[in-house]
Protein backbone atom coordinates (compact mmCIF):
# COMPACT_ATOMS: atom_id res chain seq x y z
CA MET A 1 70.04 77.95 68.17
CA ASN A 2 71.56 74.94 66.25
CA ARG A 3 69.73 73.82 63.03
CA VAL A 4 69.33 70.20 62.32
CA VAL A 5 69.67 69.55 58.56
CA HIS A 6 67.61 66.68 57.47
CA PRO A 7 69.62 63.84 55.73
CA ILE A 8 67.72 64.76 52.40
CA GLU A 9 68.88 68.23 52.39
CA GLN A 10 72.79 67.08 53.06
CA GLU A 11 72.72 64.69 50.41
CA SER A 12 71.09 67.25 47.79
CA PHE A 13 74.01 69.63 48.69
CA ARG A 14 76.35 67.13 48.41
CA ARG A 15 75.11 66.12 44.83
CA LEU A 16 74.83 69.91 43.96
CA ARG A 17 78.65 70.19 45.23
CA ALA A 18 79.46 67.58 42.95
CA ARG A 19 78.32 68.95 39.81
CA LEU A 20 79.29 72.54 40.73
CA ASP A 21 82.27 73.73 42.27
CA THR A 22 81.40 76.43 44.37
CA SER A 23 84.31 77.13 46.39
CA ARG A 24 85.46 79.84 44.39
CA PHE A 25 82.78 81.95 45.89
CA PRO A 26 83.36 83.82 49.23
CA PRO A 27 81.55 82.16 52.29
CA LEU A 28 78.29 84.11 52.34
CA THR A 29 78.08 84.48 48.26
CA ARG A 30 78.50 80.65 48.33
CA ALA A 31 75.57 80.03 51.08
CA VAL A 32 73.17 82.36 49.02
CA VAL A 33 74.24 80.61 45.28
CA GLU A 34 74.06 77.21 46.99
CA ARG A 35 70.72 77.71 48.88
CA VAL A 36 69.17 79.15 45.27
CA ILE A 37 70.08 76.61 43.27
CA HIS A 38 68.90 74.16 45.64
CA SER A 39 65.60 75.88 45.78
CA ALA A 40 65.28 75.31 41.98
CA ALA A 41 67.36 72.55 41.09
CA ASP A 42 68.97 75.28 38.48
CA LEU A 43 72.63 75.49 38.40
CA GLU A 44 72.54 78.36 35.82
CA TYR A 45 71.77 80.44 38.96
CA ALA A 46 75.38 80.09 39.77
CA SER A 47 76.57 82.59 36.88
CA ASP A 48 73.08 84.25 36.68
CA LEU A 49 73.08 85.95 40.58
CA VAL A 50 74.84 89.30 41.22
CA MET A 51 75.98 90.00 44.85
CA ASP A 52 78.83 91.25 46.81
CA GLU A 53 80.46 89.64 49.63
CA ASP A 54 80.69 92.79 51.68
CA THR A 55 77.11 93.99 51.15
CA LEU A 56 76.34 90.20 52.44
CA GLU A 57 78.29 90.87 55.37
CA LYS A 58 76.77 93.83 56.67
CA ALA A 59 73.11 92.47 55.69
CA HIS A 60 74.24 89.09 57.47
CA ALA A 61 75.11 91.49 60.68
CA ALA A 62 71.95 93.51 60.03
CA LEU A 63 69.83 90.36 59.92
CA HIS A 64 71.16 88.59 63.21
CA ALA A 65 71.25 91.88 65.03
CA GLY A 66 67.14 91.63 64.31
CA ALA A 67 66.60 94.22 61.42
CA PRO A 68 63.09 93.58 60.10
CA VAL A 69 62.47 91.29 57.19
CA VAL A 70 59.56 92.53 54.67
CA VAL A 71 58.58 90.30 52.05
CA ASP A 72 56.51 90.87 48.86
CA VAL A 73 53.86 87.88 49.33
CA GLU A 74 53.26 85.26 51.58
CA MET A 75 55.01 82.79 49.31
CA VAL A 76 58.17 84.27 50.30
CA ALA A 77 57.02 84.45 54.26
CA ALA A 78 56.31 80.92 54.01
CA GLY A 79 59.79 79.90 52.93
CA ILE A 80 61.32 81.59 55.82
CA THR A 81 60.23 79.48 58.50
CA ARG A 82 63.28 80.90 60.94
CA ARG A 83 62.26 84.51 61.03
CA GLU A 84 59.16 86.42 61.24
CA THR A 85 58.27 88.68 58.22
CA VAL A 86 56.18 91.49 57.26
CA CYS A 87 53.93 91.07 54.10
CA ARG A 88 51.11 94.00 53.91
CA LEU A 89 49.66 92.49 50.60
CA LYS A 90 46.52 91.86 52.56
CA ASP A 91 46.12 95.17 53.65
CA ALA A 92 46.87 96.80 50.05
CA ALA A 93 44.39 98.03 47.13
CA ALA A 94 45.58 99.04 43.48
CA GLY A 95 44.60 102.11 42.39
CA PRO A 96 45.45 104.30 39.31
CA GLY A 97 48.90 103.83 38.14
CA LEU A 98 49.48 101.92 41.57
CA THR A 99 49.75 97.79 41.94
CA ARG A 100 48.54 96.32 44.74
CA SER A 101 51.86 94.65 44.94
CA ALA A 102 53.20 98.60 45.10
CA HIS A 103 50.67 99.84 47.37
CA ALA A 104 51.83 96.58 49.69
CA VAL A 105 55.45 97.75 49.48
CA ARG A 106 54.62 101.43 50.61
CA LEU A 107 52.33 99.98 53.70
CA ALA A 108 55.28 98.06 54.85
CA TYR A 109 57.68 100.76 54.42
CA GLU A 110 55.30 103.10 56.66
CA GLN A 111 55.37 100.30 59.25
CA VAL A 112 58.88 99.15 59.27
CA GLY A 113 60.95 102.57 58.23
CA PRO A 114 64.48 102.42 57.16
CA GLY A 115 66.93 99.58 57.72
CA ALA A 116 64.90 96.46 56.99
CA LEU A 117 65.89 93.73 54.70
CA TRP A 118 63.37 93.41 51.64
CA VAL A 119 62.65 90.18 49.95
CA ILE A 120 60.83 90.31 46.45
CA GLY A 121 60.26 87.30 44.89
CA CYS A 122 57.33 87.56 42.73
CA ALA A 123 56.09 91.27 41.71
CA PRO A 124 58.44 93.25 39.65
CA THR A 125 56.13 96.47 40.37
CA ALA A 126 57.10 95.95 44.04
CA LEU A 127 60.63 96.07 43.46
CA GLU A 128 60.20 99.25 41.12
CA GLU A 129 58.48 100.88 44.23
CA LEU A 130 60.87 100.24 46.55
CA LEU A 131 63.23 102.14 44.38
CA THR A 132 61.44 105.16 44.73
CA LEU A 133 61.25 105.05 48.40
CA ASP A 134 63.89 106.24 50.61
CA ALA A 135 64.40 103.22 52.51
CA SER A 136 67.62 102.85 53.28
CA PRO A 137 67.75 99.30 53.37
CA ALA A 138 69.92 96.90 54.93
CA LEU A 139 69.89 94.41 51.84
CA VAL A 140 67.12 94.11 48.98
CA ILE A 141 66.69 90.50 47.53
CA GLY A 142 65.49 91.29 44.37
CA LEU A 143 64.12 88.15 42.65
CA PRO A 144 60.60 88.76 41.07
CA VAL A 145 59.99 86.34 38.16
CA GLY A 146 58.36 86.89 34.77
CA PHE A 147 58.83 88.03 31.60
CA VAL A 148 57.04 91.63 31.83
CA GLY A 149 59.19 93.92 34.07
CA ALA A 150 61.03 91.20 35.86
CA ALA A 151 64.79 91.66 34.43
CA GLU A 152 63.87 94.95 33.85
CA SER A 153 63.26 95.76 37.60
CA LYS A 154 66.22 93.80 38.89
CA ALA A 155 68.42 95.75 36.36
CA ALA A 156 67.10 99.03 38.02
CA LEU A 157 68.15 97.56 41.47
CA ARG A 158 71.59 97.03 40.30
CA GLU A 159 71.71 100.60 38.93
CA SER A 160 70.16 101.98 42.16
CA GLY A 161 73.45 101.42 44.23
CA LEU A 162 71.33 99.56 47.00
CA PRO A 163 73.02 96.72 48.91
CA ALA A 164 71.44 93.98 46.90
CA VAL A 165 71.07 90.57 45.63
CA SER A 166 69.52 90.22 42.12
CA ASN A 167 69.78 88.03 38.85
CA VAL A 168 70.19 89.06 35.07
CA SER A 169 67.49 86.82 33.78
CA GLU A 170 63.74 86.73 34.09
CA LYS A 171 63.76 83.74 36.18
CA GLY A 172 63.11 84.00 40.15
CA GLY A 173 60.30 83.96 42.09
CA SER A 174 59.01 83.27 45.79
CA ALA A 175 61.07 80.01 46.21
CA ALA A 176 64.65 81.37 45.13
CA ALA A 177 64.25 84.88 47.13
CA ALA A 178 63.08 83.02 50.40
CA ALA A 179 66.42 80.94 49.89
CA ALA A 180 68.73 83.63 49.39
CA LEU A 181 67.23 85.03 52.87
CA ASN A 182 67.57 81.43 54.45
CA ALA A 183 71.26 81.54 53.55
CA LEU A 184 71.97 84.22 55.35
CA LEU A 185 69.84 83.11 58.39
CA TYR A 186 71.20 79.79 58.33
CA THR A 187 74.76 80.69 58.32
CA PRO A 188 76.11 81.16 61.71
CA LEU A 189 77.70 84.69 62.88
CA SER A 190 81.19 83.26 62.85
CA HIS A 191 80.36 82.15 59.32
CA SER A 192 84.02 80.64 58.56
CA GLU A 193 82.66 77.05 59.51
CA GLU A 194 81.03 76.63 56.29
CA LYS A 195 78.14 74.44 57.70
CA GLN A 196 74.68 73.92 56.04
């Protein structure tokens, strides 16, 4: 299934690479860094993102083998156009000590079980809840945004030892999270060829 790249996207990546040398990154890391930067037109992501190539290779294999993709909000799902996703936010309810986003994570885990790729781009509480579950994820893309809890939840993700893509700062969001997943989707299984 070949992806047709629009000329505007090609030119955008050409300009990105003219302003930032991404050739120092290994292939999947480079793909994620470039896609996230492209989603936000923010070159600072090159030094803000935290990931490991071996982890990305395992996640890439799981994704292309059909592992489920769970998202915290529909805005993340909307950005992932080449793969079905699970989002249980509409079915969730807030309760004492539990946000709606955290409840949605519980519901999604009950549905998909272990081994999924989790894409959190909005709610720090969704990421915090995921860390309490025995989800054995193939990957957690933890890029929630905000001034309350976002940086802390991403630090907790990195400290958990789970396979992850995160960033250090408070920035993030649905577009960045979807872009990170799309980087893995769009990169061919033999990712030695560096296509967009």
